[in-house]
Amino acid sequence: MVSTRVVAGLVAGVVAATLAAPTPALAANGTIGERETVCAGDLFVRTQPNGAWMGTLYQGQTFLVEGPRSGGYVYGFAYGHINRRGWVQDGWFC
């Protein structure tokens, strides 16, 4: 038979380990009017939602979300080496 003191110690240890574990960073949707930072490893800039590729933003680069949204994509200005307006898949910003 296991004593209640041992069970209580095990439960406390599991709870402490769970609370101490780091939570993974979750990517967020872009906010219209905000210059967002890309959290994804890479993010394709397209001519329209699911359209032709015109460049790639990499993690840490920025995108000014200008709106509108369409089919999981958002329109805006891709800074950096792309320097043009286009569409990116929403949900990959920090």
N, C-alpha and C. Protein backbone atom coordinates (compact mmCIF):
# COMPACT_ATOMS: atom_id res chain seq x y z
N MET A 1 0.83 -1.16 0.00
CA MET A 1 0.00 0.00 0.00
C MET A 1 0.90 1.25 0.00
N VAL A 2 0.55 2.22 -0.83
CA VAL A 2 1.32 3.45 -0.94
C VAL A 2 0.75 4.47 0.03
N SER A 3 1.62 5.11 0.78
CA SER A 3 1.14 6.07 1.77
C SER A 3 0.65 7.35 1.07
N THR A 4 -0.24 8.03 1.73
CA THR A 4 -0.78 9.28 1.17
C THR A 4 0.29 10.35 1.09
N ARG A 5 1.29 10.27 1.96
CA ARG A 5 2.39 11.25 1.93
C ARG A 5 3.20 11.08 0.64
N VAL A 6 3.43 9.84 0.20
CA VAL A 6 4.18 9.58 -1.03
C VAL A 6 3.38 10.05 -2.24
N VAL A 7 2.09 9.74 -2.25
CA VAL A 7 1.22 10.16 -3.36
C VAL A 7 1.17 11.68 -3.44
N ALA A 8 1.02 12.34 -2.30
CA ALA A 8 0.97 13.80 -2.27
C ALA A 8 2.28 14.39 -2.78
N GLY A 9 3.40 13.78 -2.42
CA GLY A 9 4.70 14.26 -2.91
C GLY A 9 4.83 14.10 -4.42
N LEU A 10 4.37 12.98 -4.94
CA LEU A 10 4.41 12.76 -6.40
C LEU A 10 3.53 13.76 -7.14
N VAL A 11 2.33 13.98 -6.64
CA VAL A 11 1.42 14.93 -7.27
C VAL A 11 2.02 16.33 -7.24
N ALA A 12 2.58 16.72 -6.13
CA ALA A 12 3.20 18.05 -6.03
C ALA A 12 4.36 18.19 -7.00
N GLY A 13 5.15 17.13 -7.15
CA GLY A 13 6.27 17.17 -8.10
C GLY A 13 5.80 17.30 -9.54
N VAL A 14 4.76 16.58 -9.89
CA VAL A 14 4.22 16.67 -11.26
C VAL A 14 3.66 18.05 -11.53
N VAL A 15 2.93 18.61 -10.57
CA VAL A 15 2.37 19.94 -10.74
C VAL A 15 3.49 20.98 -10.87
N ALA A 16 4.52 20.91 -10.05
CA ALA A 16 5.64 21.86 -10.12
C ALA A 16 6.37 21.75 -11.44
N ALA A 17 6.58 20.53 -11.93
CA ALA A 17 7.27 20.35 -13.21
C ALA A 17 6.43 20.89 -14.36
N THR A 18 5.13 20.71 -14.29
CA THR A 18 4.24 21.22 -15.34
C THR A 18 4.25 22.74 -15.37
N LEU A 19 4.19 23.36 -14.21
CA LEU A 19 4.18 24.82 -14.15
C LEU A 19 5.52 25.42 -14.54
N ALA A 20 6.60 24.72 -14.32
CA ALA A 20 7.93 25.23 -14.63
C ALA A 20 8.31 25.05 -16.10
N ALA A 21 7.61 24.18 -16.81
CA ALA A 21 7.94 23.93 -18.21
C ALA A 21 7.62 25.16 -19.04
N PRO A 22 8.54 25.56 -19.93
CA PRO A 22 8.27 26.73 -20.77
C PRO A 22 7.16 26.44 -21.76
N THR A 23 6.35 27.45 -22.02
CA THR A 23 5.28 27.28 -23.00
C THR A 23 5.81 27.71 -24.36
N PRO A 24 5.46 26.99 -25.41
CA PRO A 24 5.95 27.36 -26.73
C PRO A 24 5.32 28.66 -27.19
N ALA A 25 6.08 29.46 -27.92
CA ALA A 25 5.56 30.70 -28.47
C ALA A 25 4.57 30.36 -29.57
N LEU A 26 3.44 31.01 -29.53
CA LEU A 26 2.43 30.79 -30.54
C LEU A 26 2.43 31.96 -31.52
N ALA A 27 2.34 31.67 -32.78
CA ALA A 27 2.26 32.72 -33.78
C ALA A 27 0.88 33.35 -33.72
N ALA A 28 0.78 34.61 -34.14
CA ALA A 28 -0.47 35.34 -34.05
C ALA A 28 -0.91 35.87 -35.40
N ASN A 29 -2.17 36.18 -35.50
CA ASN A 29 -2.68 36.85 -36.69
C ASN A 29 -2.19 38.29 -36.71
N GLY A 30 -2.07 38.83 -37.90
CA GLY A 30 -1.63 40.21 -38.03
C GLY A 30 -2.73 41.19 -37.65
N THR A 31 -2.32 42.32 -37.11
CA THR A 31 -3.25 43.38 -36.75
C THR A 31 -3.18 44.47 -37.81
N ILE A 32 -4.31 44.79 -38.40
CA ILE A 32 -4.35 45.80 -39.46
C ILE A 32 -3.83 47.13 -38.90
N GLY A 33 -2.91 47.73 -39.65
CA GLY A 33 -2.29 48.98 -39.24
C GLY A 33 -0.98 48.80 -38.48
N GLU A 34 -0.61 47.57 -38.16
CA GLU A 34 0.61 47.29 -37.40
C GLU A 34 1.69 46.70 -38.30
N ARG A 35 2.92 47.09 -38.04
CA ARG A 35 4.08 46.47 -38.70
C ARG A 35 4.46 45.26 -37.86
N GLU A 36 4.16 44.08 -38.38
CA GLU A 36 4.33 42.83 -37.64
C GLU A 36 5.67 42.18 -37.97
N THR A 37 6.21 41.43 -37.02
CA THR A 37 7.44 40.67 -37.20
C THR A 37 7.08 39.23 -37.56
N VAL A 38 7.76 38.67 -38.55
CA VAL A 38 7.50 37.30 -38.99
C VAL A 38 8.11 36.33 -37.99
N CYS A 39 7.28 35.40 -37.49
CA CYS A 39 7.75 34.36 -36.57
C CYS A 39 8.09 33.07 -37.30
N ALA A 40 7.50 32.86 -38.46
CA ALA A 40 7.76 31.64 -39.24
C ALA A 40 9.19 31.67 -39.76
N GLY A 41 9.73 30.50 -40.08
CA GLY A 41 11.06 30.43 -40.67
C GLY A 41 11.12 31.18 -41.99
N ASP A 42 10.08 31.04 -42.78
CA ASP A 42 9.94 31.81 -44.02
C ASP A 42 8.46 31.97 -44.34
N LEU A 43 8.13 33.04 -45.04
CA LEU A 43 6.75 33.38 -45.35
C LEU A 43 6.71 33.93 -46.76
N PHE A 44 6.01 33.24 -47.65
CA PHE A 44 5.96 33.65 -49.05
C PHE A 44 5.07 34.88 -49.23
N VAL A 45 5.55 35.83 -50.00
CA VAL A 45 4.76 36.99 -50.40
C VAL A 45 4.23 36.69 -51.79
N ARG A 46 2.92 36.87 -51.98
CA ARG A 46 2.26 36.47 -53.22
C ARG A 46 1.53 37.66 -53.86
N THR A 47 1.24 37.54 -55.14
CA THR A 47 0.55 38.58 -55.89
C THR A 47 -0.92 38.69 -55.50
N GLN A 48 -1.49 37.61 -55.01
CA GLN A 48 -2.87 37.55 -54.53
C GLN A 48 -2.98 36.32 -53.62
N PRO A 49 -4.07 36.17 -52.87
CA PRO A 49 -4.18 34.97 -52.03
C PRO A 49 -4.00 33.70 -52.86
N ASN A 50 -3.04 32.87 -52.48
CA ASN A 50 -2.69 31.64 -53.20
C ASN A 50 -2.20 31.92 -54.62
N GLY A 51 -1.75 33.14 -54.87
CA GLY A 51 -1.29 33.53 -56.20
C GLY A 51 0.19 33.24 -56.41
N ALA A 52 0.73 33.87 -57.43
CA ALA A 52 2.13 33.68 -57.81
C ALA A 52 3.06 34.21 -56.72
N TRP A 53 4.17 33.49 -56.52
CA TRP A 53 5.18 33.88 -55.54
C TRP A 53 5.96 35.07 -56.07
N MET A 54 6.22 36.06 -55.21
CA MET A 54 7.04 37.19 -55.64
C MET A 54 8.17 37.50 -54.67
N GLY A 55 8.33 36.70 -53.64
CA GLY A 55 9.43 36.89 -52.71
C GLY A 55 9.17 36.14 -51.41
N THR A 56 10.19 36.12 -50.56
CA THR A 56 10.09 35.42 -49.28
C THR A 56 10.56 36.32 -48.15
N LEU A 57 9.74 36.43 -47.11
CA LEU A 57 10.16 37.08 -45.88
C LEU A 57 10.69 35.99 -44.95
N TYR A 58 11.74 36.30 -44.21
CA TYR A 58 12.32 35.33 -43.29
C TYR A 58 12.09 35.78 -41.85
N GLN A 59 12.23 34.84 -40.93
CA GLN A 59 12.00 35.10 -39.51
C GLN A 59 12.73 36.36 -39.08
N GLY A 60 12.01 37.24 -38.41
CA GLY A 60 12.58 38.50 -37.92
C GLY A 60 12.33 39.68 -38.85
N GLN A 61 12.00 39.42 -40.12
CA GLN A 61 11.68 40.51 -41.03
C GLN A 61 10.26 41.00 -40.76
N THR A 62 9.89 42.13 -41.36
CA THR A 62 8.62 42.74 -41.00
C THR A 62 7.69 42.92 -42.20
N PHE A 63 6.39 43.02 -41.85
CA PHE A 63 5.32 43.16 -42.83
C PHE A 63 4.28 44.10 -42.23
N LEU A 64 3.96 45.19 -42.94
CA LEU A 64 2.93 46.12 -42.50
C LEU A 64 1.58 45.59 -42.96
N VAL A 65 0.74 45.19 -42.02
CA VAL A 65 -0.58 44.64 -42.35
C VAL A 65 -1.50 45.82 -42.67
N GLU A 66 -1.95 45.87 -43.92
CA GLU A 66 -2.82 46.95 -44.36
C GLU A 66 -4.26 46.49 -44.55
N GLY A 67 -4.48 45.17 -44.63
CA GLY A 67 -5.81 44.64 -44.86
C GLY A 67 -6.12 44.69 -46.34
N PRO A 68 -7.11 44.11 -46.85
CA PRO A 68 -8.09 43.28 -46.16
C PRO A 68 -7.57 41.85 -45.97
N ARG A 69 -8.42 41.01 -45.39
CA ARG A 69 -8.11 39.57 -45.26
C ARG A 69 -8.93 38.83 -46.31
N SER A 70 -8.35 37.74 -46.79
CA SER A 70 -9.07 36.92 -47.77
C SER A 70 -8.54 35.50 -47.75
N GLY A 71 -9.38 34.55 -47.42
CA GLY A 71 -9.02 33.14 -47.46
C GLY A 71 -7.79 32.77 -46.66
N GLY A 72 -7.61 33.37 -45.50
CA GLY A 72 -6.45 33.06 -44.66
C GLY A 72 -5.21 33.86 -45.01
N TYR A 73 -5.33 34.81 -45.93
CA TYR A 73 -4.23 35.67 -46.33
C TYR A 73 -4.54 37.11 -45.93
N VAL A 74 -3.50 37.92 -45.79
CA VAL A 74 -3.66 39.32 -45.45
C VAL A 74 -2.78 40.15 -46.39
N TYR A 75 -3.26 41.33 -46.75
CA TYR A 75 -2.58 42.22 -47.69
C TYR A 75 -1.76 43.25 -46.93
N GLY A 76 -0.61 43.61 -47.49
CA GLY A 76 0.20 44.65 -46.87
C GLY A 76 1.52 44.86 -47.59
N PHE A 77 2.44 45.54 -46.89
CA PHE A 77 3.74 45.89 -47.46
C PHE A 77 4.84 45.06 -46.82
N ALA A 78 5.59 44.34 -47.66
CA ALA A 78 6.71 43.51 -47.19
C ALA A 78 7.98 44.36 -47.22
N TYR A 79 8.57 44.58 -46.06
CA TYR A 79 9.80 45.36 -45.97
C TYR A 79 11.02 44.48 -46.30
N GLY A 80 12.19 45.08 -46.23
CA GLY A 80 13.43 44.34 -46.48
C GLY A 80 13.75 44.30 -47.96
N HIS A 81 14.28 43.18 -48.40
CA HIS A 81 14.71 43.07 -49.79
C HIS A 81 13.54 43.00 -50.77
N ILE A 82 12.32 42.74 -50.30
CA ILE A 82 11.16 42.67 -51.19
C ILE A 82 10.65 44.07 -51.50
N ASN A 83 10.37 44.85 -50.46
CA ASN A 83 9.94 46.25 -50.60
C ASN A 83 8.81 46.45 -51.59
N ARG A 84 7.75 45.69 -51.41
CA ARG A 84 6.57 45.88 -52.25
C ARG A 84 5.35 45.32 -51.55
N ARG A 85 4.19 45.69 -52.06
CA ARG A 85 2.93 45.21 -51.49
C ARG A 85 2.59 43.85 -52.05
N GLY A 86 1.94 43.04 -51.20
CA GLY A 86 1.50 41.73 -51.62
C GLY A 86 0.70 41.05 -50.53
N TRP A 87 0.48 39.78 -50.69
CA TRP A 87 -0.32 38.97 -49.78
C TRP A 87 0.56 37.93 -49.09
N VAL A 88 0.34 37.73 -47.79
CA VAL A 88 1.03 36.66 -47.06
C VAL A 88 -0.02 35.86 -46.29
N GLN A 89 0.32 34.62 -45.98
CA GLN A 89 -0.58 33.80 -45.17
C GLN A 89 -0.62 34.38 -43.76
N ASP A 90 -1.81 34.64 -43.26
CA ASP A 90 -1.98 35.22 -41.93
C ASP A 90 -1.71 34.17 -40.86
N GLY A 91 -1.34 34.61 -39.68
CA GLY A 91 -1.15 33.71 -38.55
C GLY A 91 0.29 33.34 -38.29
N TRP A 92 1.24 34.01 -38.94
CA TRP A 92 2.66 33.68 -38.76
C TRP A 92 3.47 34.85 -38.23
N PHE A 93 2.81 35.72 -37.45
CA PHE A 93 3.49 36.87 -36.87
C PHE A 93 3.69 36.67 -35.37
N CYS A 94 4.72 37.34 -34.83
CA CYS A 94 5.01 37.21 -33.39
C CYS A 94 4.03 38.03 -32.57
